[in-house]
Amino acid sequence: MARSFGRLVIKALKEVDKAARQAVIDAGKKALERRVQARDKLCKRYIDSVVE
């Protein structure tokens, strides 16, 4: 009984770890996307100011 409980705990911890890693990856992707969008917006503003 104790062994199966221990296995369940280990399995649950692995799932939590996996979810935490995925959350960090997703947050990193969102941050990167925001930086790319900000850079594109800045480039567009610069180009527009040069064209005028």
N, C-alpha and C. Protein backbone atom coordinates (compact mmCIF):
# COMPACT_ATOMS: atom_id res chain seq x y z
N MET A 1 0.83 -1.20 0.00
CA MET A 1 0.00 0.00 0.00
C MET A 1 0.87 1.25 0.00
N ALA A 2 1.88 1.27 0.85
CA ALA A 2 2.75 2.43 0.93
C ALA A 2 3.52 2.62 -0.38
N ARG A 3 3.91 1.51 -0.99
CA ARG A 3 4.64 1.60 -2.26
C ARG A 3 3.78 2.24 -3.34
N SER A 4 2.54 1.81 -3.45
CA SER A 4 1.67 2.36 -4.50
C SER A 4 1.38 3.83 -4.23
N PHE A 5 1.25 4.21 -2.95
CA PHE A 5 1.04 5.61 -2.62
C PHE A 5 2.27 6.44 -3.00
N GLY A 6 3.43 5.89 -2.71
CA GLY A 6 4.68 6.57 -3.07
C GLY A 6 4.79 6.75 -4.57
N ARG A 7 4.40 5.73 -5.31
CA ARG A 7 4.44 5.82 -6.77
C ARG A 7 3.47 6.89 -7.28
N LEU A 8 2.30 6.95 -6.66
CA LEU A 8 1.33 7.97 -7.04
C LEU A 8 1.88 9.37 -6.78
N VAL A 9 2.53 9.53 -5.64
CA VAL A 9 3.11 10.83 -5.30
C VAL A 9 4.19 11.21 -6.30
N ILE A 10 5.06 10.26 -6.61
CA ILE A 10 6.12 10.53 -7.58
C ILE A 10 5.54 10.87 -8.94
N LYS A 11 4.51 10.14 -9.35
CA LYS A 11 3.87 10.41 -10.63
C LYS A 11 3.24 11.80 -10.64
N ALA A 12 2.59 12.16 -9.54
CA ALA A 12 1.96 13.48 -9.44
C ALA A 12 3.02 14.58 -9.50
N LEU A 13 4.13 14.37 -8.82
CA LEU A 13 5.20 15.36 -8.83
C LEU A 13 5.79 15.52 -10.23
N LYS A 14 5.91 14.43 -10.95
CA LYS A 14 6.42 14.50 -12.32
C LYS A 14 5.46 15.29 -13.20
N GLU A 15 4.16 15.08 -13.01
CA GLU A 15 3.17 15.82 -13.80
C GLU A 15 3.21 17.31 -13.48
N VAL A 16 3.37 17.63 -12.20
CA VAL A 16 3.46 19.04 -11.79
C VAL A 16 4.72 19.67 -12.40
N ASP A 17 5.83 18.94 -12.35
CA ASP A 17 7.08 19.44 -12.92
C ASP A 17 6.93 19.66 -14.41
N LYS A 18 6.29 18.72 -15.08
CA LYS A 18 6.08 18.84 -16.53
C LYS A 18 5.21 20.06 -16.84
N ALA A 19 4.16 20.27 -16.06
CA ALA A 19 3.29 21.42 -16.28
C ALA A 19 4.02 22.73 -16.01
N ALA A 20 4.86 22.74 -14.98
CA ALA A 20 5.62 23.95 -14.66
C ALA A 20 6.61 24.27 -15.78
N ARG A 21 7.27 23.26 -16.28
CA ARG A 21 8.20 23.48 -17.40
C ARG A 21 7.47 24.03 -18.62
N GLN A 22 6.32 23.47 -18.90
CA GLN A 22 5.55 23.92 -20.06
C GLN A 22 5.09 25.36 -19.86
N ALA A 23 4.72 25.72 -18.64
CA ALA A 23 4.30 27.09 -18.36
C ALA A 23 5.45 28.06 -18.60
N VAL A 24 6.66 27.68 -18.20
CA VAL A 24 7.83 28.53 -18.43
C VAL A 24 8.10 28.67 -19.92
N ILE A 25 8.00 27.57 -20.65
CA ILE A 25 8.21 27.60 -22.11
C ILE A 25 7.18 28.51 -22.77
N ASP A 26 5.92 28.37 -22.37
CA ASP A 26 4.85 29.19 -22.95
C ASP A 26 5.06 30.67 -22.64
N ALA A 27 5.47 30.97 -21.41
CA ALA A 27 5.72 32.36 -21.03
C ALA A 27 6.87 32.93 -21.85
N GLY A 28 7.89 32.13 -22.06
CA GLY A 28 9.02 32.58 -22.88
C GLY A 28 8.62 32.85 -24.31
N LYS A 29 7.78 32.00 -24.85
CA LYS A 29 7.30 32.19 -26.23
C LYS A 29 6.48 33.48 -26.34
N LYS A 30 5.63 33.72 -25.34
CA LYS A 30 4.81 34.94 -25.36
C LYS A 30 5.69 36.18 -25.25
N ALA A 31 6.69 36.12 -24.37
CA ALA A 31 7.60 37.26 -24.20
C ALA A 31 8.36 37.53 -25.50
N LEU A 32 8.82 36.48 -26.13
CA LEU A 32 9.54 36.64 -27.40
C LEU A 32 8.63 37.24 -28.46
N GLU A 33 7.41 36.77 -28.53
CA GLU A 33 6.47 37.29 -29.52
C GLU A 33 6.20 38.78 -29.27
N ARG A 34 6.06 39.18 -28.00
CA ARG A 34 5.84 40.59 -27.69
C ARG A 34 7.05 41.44 -28.09
N ARG A 35 8.25 40.92 -27.87
CA ARG A 35 9.46 41.66 -28.26
C ARG A 35 9.54 41.81 -29.78
N VAL A 36 9.19 40.75 -30.50
CA VAL A 36 9.20 40.82 -31.96
C VAL A 36 8.18 41.84 -32.45
N GLN A 37 7.00 41.83 -31.85
CA GLN A 37 5.97 42.79 -32.26
C GLN A 37 6.41 44.21 -31.95
N ALA A 38 7.03 44.43 -30.79
CA ALA A 38 7.50 45.76 -30.42
C ALA A 38 8.59 46.23 -31.38
N ARG A 39 9.50 45.33 -31.74
CA ARG A 39 10.56 45.67 -32.69
C ARG A 39 9.97 46.04 -34.04
N ASP A 40 9.01 45.24 -34.51
CA ASP A 40 8.37 45.51 -35.80
C ASP A 40 7.66 46.87 -35.79
N LYS A 41 7.00 47.15 -34.68
CA LYS A 41 6.29 48.43 -34.55
C LYS A 41 7.29 49.59 -34.57
N LEU A 42 8.39 49.43 -33.86
CA LEU A 42 9.42 50.46 -33.82
C LEU A 42 10.03 50.67 -35.21
N CYS A 43 10.32 49.58 -35.90
CA CYS A 43 10.87 49.68 -37.26
C CYS A 43 9.89 50.38 -38.19
N LYS A 44 8.63 50.05 -38.07
CA LYS A 44 7.62 50.67 -38.92
C LYS A 44 7.54 52.17 -38.65
N ARG A 45 7.58 52.55 -37.37
CA ARG A 45 7.55 53.97 -37.02
C ARG A 45 8.77 54.69 -37.58
N TYR A 46 9.92 54.06 -37.49
CA TYR A 46 11.15 54.67 -38.02
C TYR A 46 11.06 54.85 -39.53
N ILE A 47 10.62 53.81 -40.21
CA ILE A 47 10.48 53.89 -41.67
C ILE A 47 9.48 54.98 -42.05
N ASP A 48 8.36 55.03 -41.34
CA ASP A 48 7.36 56.05 -41.63
C ASP A 48 7.92 57.46 -41.41
N SER A 49 8.75 57.63 -40.38
CA SER A 49 9.31 58.96 -40.11
C SER A 49 10.35 59.34 -41.16
N VAL A 50 11.07 58.37 -41.69
CA VAL A 50 12.07 58.65 -42.72
C VAL A 50 11.40 58.98 -44.04
N VAL A 51 10.30 58.32 -44.32
CA VAL A 51 9.59 58.52 -45.59
C VAL A 51 8.96 59.92 -45.64
N GLU A 52 8.51 60.42 -44.51
CA GLU A 52 7.83 61.73 -44.49
C GLU A 52 8.73 62.87 -44.81
